[in-house]
Protein backbone atom coordinates (compact mmCIF):
# COMPACT_ATOMS: atom_id res chain seq x y z
CA UNK A 1 21.96 102.83 113.86
CA UNK A 2 20.66 106.39 113.17
CA UNK A 3 23.76 107.03 111.18
CA UNK A 4 23.36 103.87 109.13
CA UNK A 5 19.69 104.76 108.31
CA UNK A 6 20.78 108.20 107.07
CA UNK A 7 23.37 106.66 104.81
CA UNK A 8 20.97 104.06 103.45
CA UNK A 9 18.30 106.78 102.89
CA UNK A 10 20.87 108.86 101.13
CA UNK A 11 21.90 105.94 98.85
CA UNK A 12 18.30 105.10 98.11
CA UNK A 13 17.36 108.82 97.23
CA UNK A 14 20.54 109.09 94.98
CA UNK A 15 19.61 105.80 93.23
CA UNK A 16 16.04 106.91 92.74
CA UNK A 17 16.97 110.31 91.39
CA UNK A 18 19.60 108.93 89.07
CA UNK A 19 17.12 106.42 87.53
CA UNK A 20 14.47 108.96 86.90
CA UNK A 21 14.31 109.91 83.21
CA UNK A 22 11.45 110.88 81.06
CA UNK A 23 10.98 109.31 77.61
CA UNK A 24 13.46 110.50 75.06
CA UNK A 25 12.01 112.32 72.07
CA UNK A 26 13.00 111.84 68.48
CA UNK A 27 16.52 113.05 67.33
CA UNK A 28 16.31 116.49 65.80
CA UNK A 29 17.55 117.24 62.20
CA UNK A 30 21.29 117.72 61.66
CA UNK A 31 22.50 121.28 61.73
CA UNK A 32 23.93 123.15 58.74
CA UNK A 33 27.68 122.63 58.11
CA UNK A 34 29.49 125.81 58.99
CA UNK A 35 32.22 127.23 56.87
CA UNK A 36 35.65 125.84 57.23
CA UNK A 37 37.99 128.35 58.88
CA UNK A 38 41.47 128.68 60.22
CA UNK A 39 41.78 129.89 63.79
CA UNK A 40 45.47 130.65 63.31
CA UNK A 41 44.86 133.21 60.45
CA UNK A 42 43.02 136.50 60.97
CA UNK A 43 41.99 138.64 57.90
CA UNK A 44 40.03 141.91 57.81
CA UNK A 45 39.44 144.65 55.40
CA UNK A 46 39.99 148.19 56.68
CA UNK A 47 38.88 151.37 55.00
CA UNK A 48 41.41 154.18 55.37
CA UNK A 49 39.64 157.60 54.59
CA UNK A 50 41.39 160.56 53.13
CA UNK A 51 41.27 162.37 56.51
CA UNK A 52 42.89 159.42 58.34
CA UNK A 53 46.26 160.19 56.79
CA UNK A 54 48.73 162.51 58.59
CA UNK A 55 51.39 164.38 56.83
CA UNK A 56 54.97 163.79 58.02
CA UNK A 57 57.07 166.79 57.13
CA UNK A 58 60.44 165.12 58.26
CA UNK A 59 59.91 162.21 55.89
CA UNK A 60 57.86 163.84 53.21
CA UNK A 61 55.14 161.24 53.31
CA UNK A 62 51.56 160.61 54.52
CA UNK A 63 51.18 158.10 57.38
CA UNK A 64 48.28 156.19 59.04
CA UNK A 65 48.33 153.68 61.81
CA UNK A 66 45.86 150.74 61.88
CA UNK A 67 45.33 148.88 65.20
CA UNK A 68 45.08 145.13 64.62
CA UNK A 69 45.04 143.00 67.86
CA UNK A 70 45.56 139.84 66.00
CA UNK A 71 49.23 140.74 65.41
CA UNK A 72 50.69 139.25 68.78
CA UNK A 73 54.24 138.54 69.71
CA UNK A 74 54.04 135.08 67.88
CA UNK A 75 52.83 136.65 64.71
CA UNK A 76 55.20 139.64 64.97
CA UNK A 77 58.38 137.58 65.61
CA UNK A 78 57.78 134.34 63.77
CA UNK A 79 54.62 134.54 61.60
CA UNK A 80 53.58 136.78 58.83
CA UNK A 81 51.62 140.07 58.37
CA UNK A 82 50.41 140.58 54.90
CA UNK A 83 48.88 143.85 53.71
CA UNK A 84 47.10 144.22 50.37
CA UNK A 85 45.57 147.37 48.77
CA UNK A 86 42.37 147.29 46.59
CA UNK A 87 43.56 148.61 43.27
CA UNK A 88 40.55 148.81 40.80
CA UNK A 89 38.79 145.80 42.37
CA UNK A 90 41.99 143.67 42.79
CA UNK A 91 44.06 143.12 45.83
CA UNK A 92 47.72 144.16 45.19
CA UNK A 93 50.29 143.41 47.88
CA UNK A 94 51.92 146.24 49.74
CA UNK A 95 54.72 147.53 49.19
CA UNK A 96 53.56 148.66 45.84
CA UNK A 97 53.88 151.57 43.45
CA UNK A 98 50.36 152.84 42.67
CA UNK A 99 49.81 154.73 39.49
CA UNK A 100 46.64 156.87 39.25
CA UNK A 101 45.23 160.13 37.86
CA UNK A 102 44.15 163.08 39.82
CA UNK A 103 42.27 166.24 38.97
CA UNK A 104 43.68 169.65 39.86
CA UNK A 105 41.65 172.56 41.03
CA UNK A 106 41.76 174.09 37.58
CA UNK A 107 40.47 170.87 36.08
CA UNK A 108 43.67 169.50 34.58
CA UNK A 109 44.22 165.88 34.93
CA UNK A 110 47.71 164.77 35.92
CA UNK A 111 49.35 161.29 36.09
CA UNK A 112 50.54 160.49 39.60
CA UNK A 113 52.45 157.78 41.20
CA UNK A 114 52.75 156.93 44.92
CA UNK A 115 54.82 154.45 46.81
CA UNK A 116 52.78 152.61 49.50
CA UNK A 117 54.82 150.80 52.16
CA UNK A 118 53.95 149.05 55.42
CA UNK A 119 55.69 148.59 58.72
CA UNK A 120 54.37 145.96 61.28
CA UNK A 121 54.07 147.21 64.83
CA UNK A 122 54.93 144.97 67.65
CA UNK A 123 52.08 146.21 69.73
CA UNK A 124 49.43 144.96 67.39
CA UNK A 125 49.00 146.95 64.18
CA UNK A 126 50.52 148.29 61.01
CA UNK A 127 51.73 151.70 59.89
CA UNK A 128 51.21 152.60 56.23
CA UNK A 129 53.33 155.13 54.36
CA UNK A 130 52.08 157.03 51.32
CA UNK A 131 54.93 158.82 49.42
CA UNK A 132 54.05 160.71 46.25
CA UNK A 133 56.78 160.48 43.52
CA UNK A 134 57.19 164.21 43.62
CA UNK A 135 57.13 164.29 47.60
CA UNK A 136 54.25 166.94 47.10
CA UNK A 137 52.19 167.26 50.24
CA UNK A 138 49.35 169.34 48.59
CA UNK A 139 46.81 166.47 48.33
CA UNK A 140 45.87 163.81 50.84
CA UNK A 141 45.63 160.21 49.55
CA UNK A 142 42.16 159.34 48.63
CA UNK A 143 39.93 156.71 50.58
CA UNK A 144 41.33 153.17 50.04
CA UNK A 145 40.54 149.71 51.31
CA UNK A 146 43.22 147.57 52.70
CA UNK A 147 43.25 143.98 53.58
CA UNK A 148 45.37 142.87 56.58
CA UNK A 149 46.21 139.11 57.01
CA UNK A 150 47.95 137.89 60.26
CA UNK A 151 49.33 134.41 60.13
CA UNK A 152 50.48 132.55 63.26
CA UNK A 153 54.03 131.17 63.18
CA UNK A 154 53.11 127.32 63.23
CA UNK A 155 50.73 127.72 60.21
CA UNK A 156 53.03 130.08 58.36
CA UNK A 157 56.03 127.87 58.58
CA UNK A 158 54.20 124.88 57.21
CA UNK A 159 52.93 126.69 54.06
CA UNK A 160 55.95 127.46 51.98
CA UNK A 161 53.84 126.44 48.95
CA UNK A 162 51.65 129.49 49.09
CA UNK A 163 52.15 132.53 46.80
CA UNK A 164 51.88 135.22 49.39
CA UNK A 165 52.03 138.01 46.84
CA UNK A 166 48.51 136.94 45.75
CA UNK A 167 45.62 137.65 48.09
CA UNK A 168 43.56 135.06 46.17
CA UNK A 169 46.08 132.31 46.74
CA UNK A 170 46.29 133.22 50.50
CA UNK A 171 42.44 133.23 50.65
CA UNK A 172 42.29 129.80 49.08
CA UNK A 173 45.21 128.24 51.04
CA UNK A 174 43.91 129.42 54.39
CA UNK A 175 40.21 129.21 53.74
CA UNK A 176 39.53 132.92 54.43
CA UNK A 177 36.13 134.47 54.11
CA UNK A 178 36.01 137.88 52.42
């Protein structure tokens, strides 16, 4: 009998607590819509400073490694890694030949050309190679901005309609924020 009364009191207490509610207030205003995004595409701008580059005597070029954890095995093996360089305010896809002018110590202005190439690293990053047309190692590359875009395989394989050489097309197609 004692057991039955404990069970009844427990049921009664649970019923009482479950039915206790205070009056509901008015519904609050709707929140602001967030930006549409794409969880399967990562994009970042990275500034590579002049002092970040390392001279490679063996290959006759400057190199810099940029860690980018969004490059995982899926992206590396089946997706896409795109790199763009800011050239006078416009994003140009790497690899590219970059034409620019430089000033020598004596004040002379010379026309220069460099080849910029990229290698994707399977451990989450990219390595950039800067090779001057004359293979001269006297001047480090200047500070430049690079945009890295990592696209998961499932998304990349479904979007053959995108002009991947154009950052603006990629930005629009994948709803990327600058």
